[in-house]
PDB file of N, CA and C in Angstrom:
ATOM      1  N   MET A   1      13.247  23.488  -9.010  1.00  0.00           N
ATOM      2  CA  MET A   1      12.806  22.155  -8.640  1.00  0.00           C
ATOM      3  C   MET A   1      12.681  22.034  -7.127  1.00  0.00           C
ATOM      4  N   ARG A   2      13.514  22.754  -6.386  1.00  0.00           N
ATOM      5  CA  ARG A   2      13.463  22.683  -4.924  1.00  0.00           C
ATOM      6  C   ARG A   2      12.167  23.260  -4.368  1.00  0.00           C
ATOM      7  N   ASP A   3      11.530  24.162  -5.104  1.00  0.00           N
ATOM      8  CA  ASP A   3      10.305  24.783  -4.622  1.00  0.00           C
ATOM      9  C   ASP A   3       9.084  23.876  -4.768  1.00  0.00           C
ATOM     10  N   LEU A   4       9.192  22.847  -5.601  1.00  0.00           N
ATOM     11  CA  LEU A   4       8.076  21.938  -5.775  1.00  0.00           C
ATOM     12  C   LEU A   4       8.000  20.994  -4.576  1.00  0.00           C
ATOM     13  N   PRO A   5       6.819  20.797  -4.035  1.00  0.00           N
ATOM     14  CA  PRO A   5       6.676  19.900  -2.889  1.00  0.00           C
ATOM     15  C   PRO A   5       6.620  18.438  -3.342  1.00  0.00           C
ATOM     16  N   TRP A   6       7.643  18.004  -4.074  1.00  0.00           N
ATOM     17  CA  TRP A   6       7.607  16.682  -4.685  1.00  0.00           C
ATOM     18  C   TRP A   6       7.543  15.567  -3.652  1.00  0.00           C
ATOM     19  N   LYS A   7       8.155  15.748  -2.491  1.00  0.00           N
ATOM     20  CA  LYS A   7       8.101  14.699  -1.471  1.00  0.00           C
ATOM     21  C   LYS A   7       6.677  14.534  -0.953  1.00  0.00           C
ATOM     22  N   SER A   8       6.007  15.646  -0.729  1.00  0.00           N
ATOM     23  CA  SER A   8       4.615  15.576  -0.284  1.00  0.00           C
ATOM     24  C   SER A   8       3.721  15.033  -1.386  1.00  0.00           C
ATOM     25  N   LEU A   9       3.967  15.452  -2.614  1.00  0.00           N
ATOM     26  CA  LEU A   9       3.178  14.964  -3.738  1.00  0.00           C
ATOM     27  C   LEU A   9       3.323  13.452  -3.885  1.00  0.00           C
ATOM     28  N   LEU A  10       4.536  12.958  -3.767  1.00  0.00           N
ATOM     29  CA  LEU A  10       4.788  11.527  -3.852  1.00  0.00           C
ATOM     30  C   LEU A  10       4.042  10.785  -2.752  1.00  0.00           C
ATOM     31  N   ALA A  11       4.087  11.311  -1.538  1.00  0.00           N
ATOM     32  CA  ALA A  11       3.386  10.691  -0.418  1.00  0.00           C
ATOM     33  C   ALA A  11       1.875  10.713  -0.645  1.00  0.00           C
ATOM     34  N   TRP A  12       1.357  11.830  -1.135  1.00  0.00           N
ATOM     35  CA  TRP A  12      -0.084  11.924  -1.374  1.00  0.00           C
ATOM     36  C   TRP A  12      -0.538  11.001  -2.501  1.00  0.00           C
ATOM     37  N   LEU A  13       0.292  10.825  -3.517  1.00  0.00           N
ATOM     38  CA  LEU A  13      -0.043   9.872  -4.579  1.00  0.00           C
ATOM     39  C   LEU A  13      -0.086   8.443  -4.037  1.00  0.00           C
ATOM     40  N   LEU A  14       0.858   8.125  -3.178  1.00  0.00           N
ATOM     41  CA  LEU A  14       0.867   6.801  -2.553  1.00  0.00           C
ATOM     42  C   LEU A  14      -0.376   6.625  -1.680  1.00  0.00           C
ATOM     43  N   ALA A  15      -0.708   7.648  -0.910  1.00  0.00           N
ATOM     44  CA  ALA A  15      -1.906   7.588  -0.074  1.00  0.00           C
ATOM     45  C   ALA A  15      -3.155   7.412  -0.939  1.00  0.00           C
ATOM     46  N   ALA A  16      -3.233   8.127  -2.040  1.00  0.00           N
ATOM     47  CA  ALA A  16      -4.392   8.012  -2.937  1.00  0.00           C
ATOM     48  C   ALA A  16      -4.504   6.599  -3.504  1.00  0.00           C
ATOM     49  N   PHE A  17      -3.380   6.010  -3.863  1.00  0.00           N
ATOM     50  CA  PHE A  17      -3.380   4.635  -4.349  1.00  0.00           C
ATOM     51  C   PHE A  17      -3.996   3.701  -3.313  1.00  0.00           C
ATOM     52  N   PHE A  18      -3.614   3.889  -2.042  1.00  0.00           N
ATOM     53  CA  PHE A  18      -4.117   3.013  -0.993  1.00  0.00           C
ATOM     54  C   PHE A  18      -5.569   3.308  -0.627  1.00  0.00           C
ATOM     55  N   VAL A  19      -6.020   4.525  -0.824  1.00  0.00           N
ATOM     56  CA  VAL A  19      -7.453   4.819  -0.638  1.00  0.00           C
ATOM     57  C   VAL A  19      -8.261   4.059  -1.689  1.00  0.00           C
ATOM     58  N   VAL A  20      -7.843   4.159  -2.932  1.00  0.00           N
ATOM     59  CA  VAL A  20      -8.553   3.463  -4.015  1.00  0.00           C
ATOM     60  C   VAL A  20      -8.503   1.954  -3.792  1.00  0.00           C
ATOM     61  N   GLY A  21      -7.319   1.451  -3.449  1.00  0.00           N
ATOM     62  CA  GLY A  21      -7.184   0.014  -3.203  1.00  0.00           C
ATOM     63  C   GLY A  21      -8.009  -0.449  -2.016  1.00  0.00           C
ATOM     64  N   GLY A  22      -8.016   0.345  -0.952  1.00  0.00           N
ATOM     65  CA  GLY A  22      -8.782  -0.013   0.233  1.00  0.00           C
ATOM     66  C   GLY A  22     -10.270  -0.071  -0.045  1.00  0.00           C
ATOM     67  N   ILE A  23     -10.778   0.932  -0.740  1.00  0.00           N
ATOM     68  CA  ILE A  23     -12.199   0.945  -1.097  1.00  0.00           C
ATOM     69  C   ILE A  23     -12.519  -0.225  -2.027  1.00  0.00           C
ATOM     70  N   GLY A  24     -11.603  -0.476  -2.960  1.00  0.00           N
ATOM     71  CA  GLY A  24     -11.798  -1.597  -3.887  1.00  0.00           C
ATOM     72  C   GLY A  24     -11.800  -2.947  -3.201  1.00  0.00           C
ATOM     73  N   ASN A  25     -11.074  -3.070  -2.118  1.00  0.00           N
ATOM     74  CA  ASN A  25     -11.074  -4.331  -1.379  1.00  0.00           C
ATOM     75  C   ASN A  25     -12.256  -4.439  -0.419  1.00  0.00           C
ATOM     76  N   ILE A  26     -12.628  -3.358   0.221  1.00  0.00           N
ATOM     77  CA  ILE A  26     -13.770  -3.409   1.135  1.00  0.00           C
ATOM     78  C   ILE A  26     -15.062  -3.688   0.368  1.00  0.00           C
ATOM     79  N   PHE A  27     -15.241  -3.009  -0.746  1.00  0.00           N
ATOM     80  CA  PHE A  27     -16.421  -3.208  -1.594  1.00  0.00           C
ATOM     81  C   PHE A  27     -16.025  -4.041  -2.812  1.00  0.00           C
ATOM     82  N   ALA A  28     -15.499  -5.220  -2.544  1.00  0.00           N
ATOM     83  CA  ALA A  28     -14.884  -6.055  -3.572  1.00  0.00           C
ATOM     84  C   ALA A  28     -15.902  -6.559  -4.588  1.00  0.00           C
ATOM     85  N   SER A  29     -15.452  -6.577  -5.842  1.00  0.00           N
ATOM     86  CA  SER A  29     -16.255  -7.148  -6.919  1.00  0.00           C
ATOM     87  C   SER A  29     -16.185  -8.673  -6.840  1.00  0.00           C
ATOM     88  N   GLU A  30     -17.019  -9.321  -7.604  1.00  0.00           N
ATOM     89  CA  GLU A  30     -17.006 -10.793  -7.645  1.00  0.00           C
ATOM     90  C   GLU A  30     -15.647 -11.311  -8.129  1.00  0.00           C
ATOM     91  N   THR A  31     -15.027 -10.582  -9.038  1.00  0.00           N
ATOM     92  CA  THR A  31     -13.713 -10.994  -9.538  1.00  0.00           C
ATOM     93  C   THR A  31     -12.672 -10.953  -8.429  1.00  0.00           C
ATOM     94  N   VAL A  32     -12.677  -9.882  -7.642  1.00  0.00           N
ATOM     95  CA  VAL A  32     -11.723  -9.760  -6.534  1.00  0.00           C
ATOM     96  C   VAL A  32     -11.996 -10.846  -5.494  1.00  0.00           C
ATOM     97  N   LEU A  33     -13.248 -11.084  -5.187  1.00  0.00           N
ATOM     98  CA  LEU A  33     -13.597 -12.133  -4.232  1.00  0.00           C
ATOM     99  C   LEU A  33     -13.147 -13.506  -4.725  1.00  0.00           C
ATOM    100  N   ALA A  34     -13.283 -13.736  -6.021  1.00  0.00           N
ATOM    101  CA  ALA A  34     -12.828 -15.002  -6.602  1.00  0.00           C
ATOM    102  C   ALA A  34     -11.307 -15.133  -6.498  1.00  0.00           C
ATOM    103  N   ASP A  35     -10.604 -14.020  -6.692  1.00  0.00           N
ATOM    104  CA  ASP A  35      -9.144 -14.043  -6.542  1.00  0.00           C
ATOM    105  C   ASP A  35      -8.751 -14.428  -5.119  1.00  0.00           C
ATOM    106  N   TYR A  36      -9.363 -13.793  -4.138  1.00  0.00           N
ATOM    107  CA  TYR A  36      -9.059 -14.107  -2.742  1.00  0.00           C
ATOM    108  C   TYR A  36      -9.340 -15.576  -2.435  1.00  0.00           C
ATOM    109  N   ALA A  37     -10.447 -16.096  -2.951  1.00  0.00           N
ATOM    110  CA  ALA A  37     -10.789 -17.507  -2.728  1.00  0.00           C
ATOM    111  C   ALA A  37      -9.758 -18.412  -3.405  1.00  0.00           C
ATOM    112  N   ARG A  38      -9.359 -18.080  -4.623  1.00  0.00           N
ATOM    113  CA  ARG A  38      -8.371 -18.877  -5.353  1.00  0.00           C
ATOM    114  C   ARG A  38      -7.037 -18.918  -4.615  1.00  0.00           C
ATOM    115  N   TRP A  39      -6.706 -17.816  -3.943  1.00  0.00           N
ATOM    116  CA  TRP A  39      -5.452 -17.743  -3.205  1.00  0.00           C
ATOM    117  C   TRP A  39      -5.543 -18.407  -1.833  1.00  0.00           C
ATOM    118  N   GLY A  40      -6.744 -18.850  -1.460  1.00  0.00           N
ATOM    119  CA  GLY A  40      -6.913 -19.573  -0.212  1.00  0.00           C
ATOM    120  C   GLY A  40      -7.240 -18.723   1.000  1.00  0.00           C
ATOM    121  N   TYR A  41      -7.601 -17.468   0.790  1.00  0.00           N
ATOM    122  CA  TYR A  41      -7.944 -16.594   1.913  1.00  0.00           C
ATOM    123  C   TYR A  41      -9.409 -16.783   2.293  1.00  0.00           C
ATOM    124  N   PRO A  42      -9.732 -16.594   3.573  1.00  0.00           N
ATOM    125  CA  PRO A  42     -11.138 -16.691   3.983  1.00  0.00           C
ATOM    126  C   PRO A  42     -11.968 -15.560   3.376  1.00  0.00           C
ATOM    127  N   GLY A  43     -13.275 -15.748   3.348  1.00  0.00           N
ATOM    128  CA  GLY A  43     -14.180 -14.812   2.690  1.00  0.00           C
ATOM    129  C   GLY A  43     -14.142 -13.393   3.234  1.00  0.00           C
ATOM    130  N   TRP A  44     -13.747 -13.219   4.467  1.00  0.00           N
ATOM    131  CA  TRP A  44     -13.721 -11.896   5.089  1.00  0.00           C
ATOM    132  C   TRP A  44     -12.377 -11.179   4.927  1.00  0.00           C
ATOM    133  N   PHE A  45     -11.392 -11.855   4.383  1.00  0.00           N
ATOM    134  CA  PHE A  45     -10.036 -11.301   4.384  1.00  0.00           C
ATOM    135  C   PHE A  45      -9.900 -10.040   3.533  1.00  0.00           C
ATOM    136  N   HIS A  46     -10.730  -9.893   2.526  1.00  0.00           N
ATOM    137  CA  HIS A  46     -10.659  -8.678   1.696  1.00  0.00           C
ATOM    138  C   HIS A  46     -10.980  -7.440   2.542  1.00  0.00           C
ATOM    139  N   HIS A  47     -11.809  -7.609   3.574  1.00  0.00           N
ATOM    140  CA  HIS A  47     -12.099  -6.487   4.475  1.00  0.00           C
ATOM    141  C   HIS A  47     -10.854  -6.097   5.272  1.00  0.00           C
ATOM    142  N   VAL A  48     -10.120  -7.093   5.738  1.00  0.00           N
ATOM    143  CA  VAL A  48      -8.880  -6.829   6.486  1.00  0.00           C
ATOM    144  C   VAL A  48      -7.896  -6.076   5.595  1.00  0.00           C
ATOM    145  N   THR A  49      -7.745  -6.555   4.378  1.00  0.00           N
ATOM    146  CA  THR A  49      -6.837  -5.895   3.435  1.00  0.00           C
ATOM    147  C   THR A  49      -7.266  -4.452   3.194  1.00  0.00           C
ATOM    148  N   GLY A  50      -8.561  -4.249   2.984  1.00  0.00           N
ATOM    149  CA  GLY A  50      -9.068  -2.900   2.739  1.00  0.00           C
ATOM    150  C   GLY A  50      -8.838  -1.972   3.915  1.00  0.00           C
ATOM    151  N   VAL A  51      -9.071  -2.454   5.125  1.00  0.00           N
ATOM    152  CA  VAL A  51      -8.853  -1.629   6.314  1.00  0.00           C
ATOM    153  C   VAL A  51      -7.367  -1.304   6.475  1.00  0.00           C
ATOM    154  N   LEU A  52      -6.508  -2.278   6.235  1.00  0.00           N
ATOM    155  CA  LEU A  52      -5.059  -2.014   6.315  1.00  0.00           C
ATOM    156  C   LEU A  52      -4.644  -0.973   5.286  1.00  0.00           C
ATOM    157  N   GLU A  53      -5.189  -1.060   4.087  1.00  0.00           N
ATOM    158  CA  GLU A  53      -4.846  -0.095   3.044  1.00  0.00           C
ATOM    159  C   GLU A  53      -5.342   1.305   3.389  1.00  0.00           C
ATOM    160  N   LEU A  54      -6.563   1.417   3.893  1.00  0.00           N
ATOM    161  CA  LEU A  54      -7.082   2.725   4.289  1.00  0.00           C
ATOM    162  C   LEU A  54      -6.310   3.297   5.477  1.00  0.00           C
ATOM    163  N   THR A  55      -5.916   2.439   6.400  1.00  0.00           N
ATOM    164  CA  THR A  55      -5.104   2.887   7.534  1.00  0.00           C
ATOM    165  C   THR A  55      -3.754   3.402   7.050  1.00  0.00           C
ATOM    166  N   ALA A  56      -3.137   2.648   6.146  1.00  0.00           N
ATOM    167  CA  ALA A  56      -1.855   3.093   5.583  1.00  0.00           C
ATOM    168  C   ALA A  56      -2.013   4.443   4.896  1.00  0.00           C
ATOM    169  N   ALA A  57      -3.087   4.617   4.140  1.00  0.00           N
ATOM    170  CA  ALA A  57      -3.327   5.886   3.432  1.00  0.00           C
ATOM    171  C   ALA A  57      -3.446   7.036   4.422  1.00  0.00           C
ATOM    172  N   ALA A  58      -4.217   6.837   5.488  1.00  0.00           N
ATOM    173  CA  ALA A  58      -4.400   7.900   6.479  1.00  0.00           C
ATOM    174  C   ALA A  58      -3.083   8.244   7.163  1.00  0.00           C
ATOM    175  N   LEU A  59      -2.299   7.240   7.493  1.00  0.00           N
ATOM    176  CA  LEU A  59      -1.015   7.489   8.147  1.00  0.00           C
ATOM    177  C   LEU A  59      -0.030   8.190   7.216  1.00  0.00           C
ATOM    178  N   ILE A  60      -0.049   7.823   5.946  1.00  0.00           N
ATOM    179  CA  ILE A  60       0.843   8.461   4.971  1.00  0.00           C
ATOM    180  C   ILE A  60       0.449   9.923   4.769  1.00  0.00           C
ATOM    181  N   ALA A  61      -0.830  10.200   4.759  1.00  0.00           N
ATOM    182  CA  ALA A  61      -1.314  11.561   4.487  1.00  0.00           C
ATOM    183  C   ALA A  61      -0.927  12.553   5.582  1.00  0.00           C
ATOM    184  N   TRP A  62      -0.800  12.077   6.803  1.00  0.00           N
ATOM    185  CA  TRP A  62      -0.451  12.961   7.918  1.00  0.00           C
ATOM    186  C   TRP A  62       1.053  12.884   8.137  1.00  0.00           C
ATOM    187  N   ARG A  63       1.725  13.968   7.944  1.00  0.00           N
ATOM    188  CA  ARG A  63       3.191  13.983   7.934  1.00  0.00           C
ATOM    189  C   ARG A  63       3.849  13.358   9.174  1.00  0.00           C
ATOM    190  N   PRO A  64       3.362  13.624  10.407  1.00  0.00           N
ATOM    191  CA  PRO A  64       4.017  13.022  11.574  1.00  0.00           C
ATOM    192  C   PRO A  64       3.962  11.489  11.611  1.00  0.00           C
ATOM    193  N   THR A  65       2.984  10.895  10.920  1.00  0.00           N
ATOM    194  CA  THR A  65       2.872   9.430  10.925  1.00  0.00           C
ATOM    195  C   THR A  65       3.230   8.813   9.572  1.00  0.00           C
ATOM    196  N   ARG A  66       3.786   9.617   8.698  1.00  0.00           N
ATOM    197  CA  ARG A  66       4.072   9.152   7.334  1.00  0.00           C
ATOM    198  C   ARG A  66       5.008   7.940   7.310  1.00  0.00           C
ATOM    199  N   LEU A  67       6.003   7.929   8.158  1.00  0.00           N
ATOM    200  CA  LEU A  67       6.939   6.795   8.187  1.00  0.00           C
ATOM    201  C   LEU A  67       6.195   5.508   8.543  1.00  0.00           C
ATOM    202  N   TRP A  68       5.325   5.566   9.549  1.00  0.00           N
ATOM    203  CA  TRP A  68       4.551   4.393   9.941  1.00  0.00           C
ATOM    204  C   TRP A  68       3.615   3.955   8.820  1.00  0.00           C
ATOM    205  N   GLY A  69       2.996   4.906   8.165  1.00  0.00           N
ATOM    206  CA  GLY A  69       2.089   4.585   7.071  1.00  0.00           C
ATOM    207  C   GLY A  69       2.807   3.937   5.900  1.00  0.00           C
ATOM    208  N   ALA A  70       3.978   4.473   5.564  1.00  0.00           N
ATOM    209  CA  ALA A  70       4.753   3.892   4.468  1.00  0.00           C
ATOM    210  C   ALA A  70       5.214   2.487   4.837  1.00  0.00           C
ATOM    211  N   GLY A  71       5.546   2.290   6.106  1.00  0.00           N
ATOM    212  CA  GLY A  71       5.928   0.949   6.562  1.00  0.00           C
ATOM    213  C   GLY A  71       4.771  -0.031   6.443  1.00  0.00           C
ATOM    214  N   LEU A  72       3.581   0.387   6.886  1.00  0.00           N
ATOM    215  CA  LEU A  72       2.406  -0.471   6.769  1.00  0.00           C
ATOM    216  C   LEU A  72       2.083  -0.729   5.295  1.00  0.00           C
ATOM    217  N   ALA A  73       2.169   0.299   4.472  1.00  0.00           N
ATOM    218  CA  ALA A  73       1.923   0.140   3.033  1.00  0.00           C
ATOM    219  C   ALA A  73       2.903  -0.874   2.439  1.00  0.00           C
ATOM    220  N   GLY A  74       4.155  -0.778   2.843  1.00  0.00           N
ATOM    221  CA  GLY A  74       5.159  -1.726   2.359  1.00  0.00           C
ATOM    222  C   GLY A  74       4.830  -3.155   2.763  1.00  0.00           C
ATOM    223  N   LEU A  75       4.387  -3.340   4.005  1.00  0.00           N
ATOM    224  CA  LEU A  75       4.017  -4.688   4.458  1.00  0.00           C
ATOM    225  C   LEU A  75       2.830  -5.243   3.668  1.00  0.00           C
ATOM    226  N   VAL A  76       1.859  -4.387   3.394  1.00  0.00           N
ATOM    227  CA  VAL A  76       0.708  -4.823   2.595  1.00  0.00           C
ATOM    228  C   VAL A  76       1.174  -5.246   1.199  1.00  0.00           C
ATOM    229  N   MET A  77       2.095  -4.491   0.624  1.00  0.00           N
ATOM    230  CA  MET A  77       2.582  -4.830  -0.719  1.00  0.00           C
ATOM    231  C   MET A  77       3.462  -6.073  -0.711  1.00  0.00           C
ATOM    232  N   VAL A  78       4.207  -6.293   0.359  1.00  0.00           N
ATOM    233  CA  VAL A  78       4.976  -7.543   0.477  1.00  0.00           C
ATOM    234  C   VAL A  78       3.996  -8.718   0.495  1.00  0.00           C
ATOM    235  N   GLY A  79       2.905  -8.568   1.246  1.00  0.00           N
ATOM    236  CA  GLY A  79       1.891  -9.620   1.277  1.00  0.00           C
ATOM    237  C   GLY A  79       1.250  -9.854  -0.082  1.00  0.00           C
ATOM    238  N   ALA A  80       0.941  -8.767  -0.778  1.00  0.00           N
ATOM    239  CA  ALA A  80       0.321  -8.888  -2.100  1.00  0.00           C
ATOM    240  C   ALA A  80       1.275  -9.559  -3.090  1.00  0.00           C
ATOM    241  N   ALA A  81       2.518  -9.097  -3.103  1.00  0.00           N
ATOM    242  CA  ALA A  81       3.500  -9.689  -4.022  1.00  0.00           C
ATOM    243  C   ALA A  81       3.762 -11.147  -3.662  1.00  0.00           C
ATOM    244  N   GLY A  82       3.882 -11.426  -2.375  1.00  0.00           N
ATOM    245  CA  GLY A  82       4.114 -12.800  -1.938  1.00  0.00           C
ATOM    246  C   GLY A  82       2.977 -13.719  -2.332  1.00  0.00           C
ATOM    247  N   THR A  83       1.759 -13.217  -2.226  1.00  0.00           N
ATOM    248  CA  THR A  83       0.587 -14.017  -2.589  1.00  0.00           C
ATOM    249  C   THR A  83       0.616 -14.397  -4.060  1.00  0.00           C
ATOM    250  N   VAL A  84       0.774 -13.417  -4.919  1.00  0.00           N
ATOM    251  CA  VAL A  84       0.715 -13.727  -6.348  1.00  0.00           C
ATOM    252  C   VAL A  84       1.945 -14.519  -6.804  1.00  0.00           C
ATOM    253  N   LEU A  85       3.104 -14.222  -6.227  1.00  0.00           N
ATOM    254  CA  LEU A  85       4.295 -14.990  -6.605  1.00  0.00           C
ATOM    255  C   LEU A  85       4.180 -16.442  -6.170  1.00  0.00           C
ATOM    256  N   SER A  86       3.640 -16.676  -4.979  1.00  0.00           N
ATOM    257  CA  SER A  86       3.513 -18.051  -4.497  1.00  0.00           C
ATOM    258  C   SER A  86       2.479 -18.853  -5.289  1.00  0.00           C
ATOM    259  N   HIS A  87       1.633 -18.168  -6.024  1.00  0.00           N
ATOM    260  CA  HIS A  87       0.656 -18.840  -6.870  1.00  0.00           C
ATOM    261  C   HIS A  87       1.048 -18.801  -8.349  1.00  0.00           C
ATOM    262  N   GLY A  88       2.283 -18.446  -8.619  1.00  0.00           N
ATOM    263  CA  GLY A  88       2.798 -18.481  -9.983  1.00  0.00           C
ATOM    264  C   GLY A  88       2.276 -17.394 -10.891  1.00  0.00           C
ATOM    265  N   GLU A  89       1.685 -16.353 -10.328  1.00  0.00           N
ATOM    266  CA  GLU A  89       1.145 -15.254 -11.132  1.00  0.00           C
ATOM    267  C   GLU A  89       2.185 -14.135 -11.207  1.00  0.00           C
ATOM    268  N   PHE A  90       3.276 -14.440 -11.857  1.00  0.00           N
ATOM    269  CA  PHE A  90       4.446 -13.564 -11.836  1.00  0.00           C
ATOM    270  C   PHE A  90       4.177 -12.180 -12.410  1.00  0.00           C
ATOM    271  N   SER A  91       3.406 -12.095 -13.476  1.00  0.00           N
ATOM    272  CA  SER A  91       3.148 -10.782 -14.067  1.00  0.00           C
ATOM    273  C   SER A  91       2.298  -9.915 -13.139  1.00  0.00           C
ATOM    274  N   HIS A  92       1.506 -10.535 -12.274  1.00  0.00           N
ATOM    275  CA  HIS A  92       0.699  -9.772 -11.318  1.00  0.00           C
ATOM    276  C   HIS A  92       1.519  -9.233 -10.157  1.00  0.00           C
ATOM    277  N   ALA A  93       2.765  -9.657 -10.041  1.00  0.00           N
ATOM    278  CA  ALA A  93       3.624  -9.170  -8.953  1.00  0.00           C
ATOM    279  C   ALA A  93       4.270  -7.833  -9.292  1.00  0.00           C
ATOM    280  N   ILE A  94       4.222  -7.429 -10.540  1.00  0.00           N
ATOM    281  CA  ILE A  94       4.896  -6.195 -10.949  1.00  0.00           C
ATOM    282  C   ILE A  94       4.319  -4.983 -10.227  1.00  0.00           C
ATOM    283  N   ALA A  95       3.007  -4.826 -10.239  1.00  0.00           N
ATOM    284  CA  ALA A  95       2.387  -3.655  -9.603  1.00  0.00           C
ATOM    285  C   ALA A  95       2.679  -3.584  -8.105  1.00  0.00           C
ATOM    286  N   PRO A  96       2.476  -4.674  -7.328  1.00  0.00           N
ATOM    287  CA  PRO A  96       2.794  -4.565  -5.900  1.00  0.00           C
ATOM    288  C   PRO A  96       4.274  -4.279  -5.642  1.00  0.00           C
ATOM    289  N   LEU A  97       5.148  -4.802  -6.469  1.00  0.00           N
ATOM    290  CA  LEU A  97       6.579  -4.545  -6.270  1.00  0.00           C
ATOM    291  C   LEU A  97       6.931  -3.091  -6.585  1.00  0.00           C
ATOM    292  N   VAL A  98       6.291  -2.506  -7.589  1.00  0.00           N
ATOM    293  CA  VAL A  98       6.514  -1.089  -7.906  1.00  0.00           C
ATOM    294  C   VAL A  98       5.992  -0.217  -6.769  1.00  0.00           C
ATOM    295  N   VAL A  99       4.802  -0.537  -6.262  1.00  0.00           N
ATOM    296  CA  VAL A  99       4.236   0.234  -5.150  1.00  0.00           C
ATOM    297  C   VAL A  99       5.071   0.034  -3.887  1.00  0.00           C
ATOM    298  N   LEU A 100       5.594  -1.169  -3.686  1.00  0.00           N
ATOM    299  CA  LEU A 100       6.506  -1.409  -2.562  1.00  0.00           C
ATOM    300  C   LEU A 100       7.729  -0.507  -2.662  1.00  0.00           C
ATOM    301  N   ALA A 101       8.300  -0.405  -3.848  1.00  0.00           N
ATOM    302  CA  ALA A 101       9.456   0.475  -4.045  1.00  0.00           C
ATOM    303  C   ALA A 101       9.091   1.923  -3.738  1.00  0.00           C
ATOM    304  N   LEU A 102       7.924   2.361  -4.169  1.00  0.00           N
ATOM    305  CA  LEU A 102       7.468   3.720  -3.892  1.00  0.00           C
ATOM    306  C   LEU A 102       7.271   3.921  -2.389  1.00  0.00           C
ATOM    307  N   ALA A 103       6.702   2.933  -1.714  1.00  0.00           N
ATOM    308  CA  ALA A 103       6.517   3.023  -0.257  1.00  0.00           C
ATOM    309  C   ALA A 103       7.871   3.116   0.447  1.00  0.00           C
ATOM    310  N   LEU A 104       8.854   2.395  -0.046  1.00  0.00           N
ATOM    311  CA  LEU A 104      10.193   2.465   0.549  1.00  0.00           C
ATOM    312  C   LEU A 104      10.822   3.836   0.348  1.00  0.00           C
ATOM    313  N   VAL A 105      10.600   4.434  -0.808  1.00  0.00           N
ATOM    314  CA  VAL A 105      11.115   5.790  -1.060  1.00  0.00           C
ATOM    315  C   VAL A 105      10.445   6.779  -0.114  1.00  0.00           C
ATOM    316  N   VAL A 106       9.126   6.691   0.014  1.00  0.00           N
ATOM    317  CA  VAL A 106       8.400   7.592   0.916  1.00  0.00           C
ATOM    318  C   VAL A 106       8.863   7.377   2.353  1.00  0.00           C
ATOM    319  N   ALA A 107       9.059   6.123   2.746  1.00  0.00           N
ATOM    320  CA  ALA A 107       9.540   5.827   4.101  1.00  0.00           C
ATOM    321  C   ALA A 107      10.933   6.417   4.318  1.00  0.00           C
ATOM    322  N   PHE A 108      11.801   6.266   3.352  1.00  0.00           N
ATOM    323  CA  PHE A 108      13.153   6.809   3.471  1.00  0.00           C
ATOM    324  C   PHE A 108      13.114   8.330   3.616  1.00  0.00           C
ATOM    325  N   LEU A 109      12.312   8.975   2.791  1.00  0.00           N
ATOM    326  CA  LEU A 109      12.216  10.438   2.854  1.00  0.00           C
ATOM    327  C   LEU A 109      11.624  10.891   4.183  1.00  0.00           C
ATOM    328  N   ALA A 110      10.626  10.178   4.675  1.00  0.00           N
ATOM    329  CA  ALA A 110      10.014  10.535   5.959  1.00  0.00           C
ATOM    330  C   ALA A 110      11.010  10.322   7.097  1.00  0.00           C
ATOM    331  N   TYR A 111      11.774   9.261   7.010  1.00  0.00           N
ATOM    332  CA  TYR A 111      12.786   8.989   8.034  1.00  0.00           C
ATOM    333  C   TYR A 111      13.860  10.068   8.031  1.00  0.00           C
ATOM    334  N   ARG A 112      14.305  10.422   6.846  1.00  0.00           N
ATOM    335  CA  ARG A 112      15.345  11.427   6.712  1.00  0.00           C
ATOM    336  C   ARG A 112      14.893  12.806   7.139  1.00  0.00           C
ATOM    337  N   ASP A 113      13.616  13.115   6.900  1.00  0.00           N
ATOM    338  CA  ASP A 113      13.101  14.447   7.203  1.00  0.00           C
ATOM    339  C   ASP A 113      12.582  14.610   8.615  1.00  0.00           C
ATOM    340  N   ARG A 114      12.552  13.522   9.378  1.00  0.00           N
ATOM    341  CA  ARG A 114      12.028  13.656  10.737  1.00  0.00           C
ATOM    342  C   ARG A 114      12.969  14.509  11.564  1.00  0.00           C
ATOM    343  N   GLY A 115      12.418  15.165  12.510  1.00  0.00           N
ATOM    344  CA  GLY A 115      13.212  16.040  13.359  1.00  0.00           C
ATOM    345  C   GLY A 115      14.045  15.253  14.365  1.00  0.00           C
ATOM    346  N   PRO A 116      14.799  15.967  15.182  1.00  0.00           N
ATOM    347  CA  PRO A 116      15.600  15.287  16.196  1.00  0.00           C
ATOM    348  C   PRO A 116      14.689  14.547  17.179  1.00  0.00           C
ATOM    349  N   ALA A 117      15.160  13.396  17.643  1.00  0.00           N
ATOM    350  CA  ALA A 117      14.355  12.559  18.541  1.00  0.00           C
ATOM    351  C   ALA A 117      14.144  13.182  19.890  1.00  0.00           C
TER     352      ALA A 117
END
C-alpha cells in the first residue's frame, strides 16, 4: 500500500473535480444560470466561480502549490455550501461538504509533506 501514490492520486482527483466544475461554471447551462440568479448572484458571478475553481485545480495539480490550491478549493466549497444552506437547499449541501472534507485532507497531507521552511 505504501508504494501506491495515493496522496497524489487523491490530489489529482480533487483537481479533476475542480476542472470539471470550473468548465461547467464558465460555460454554464441555463439551469446553472437560473440557480445563480435564484441565489441572488449577479449574472457574471458564474465566471468568477469557474475561474476560482480552475485556479484551485491548477494549484492542486502542482505539488509545490498544492496546499494553496486545497485552501482555495476549500474556500470555494465553503461558499457553495453556505449558499445552498442559506437558501434551505440542505440536500444540495452534501456534495460541497464532502468535497470540502476532501480538500481539507489534501491540504493536511500537503502541509505535512512540505519540506523544512
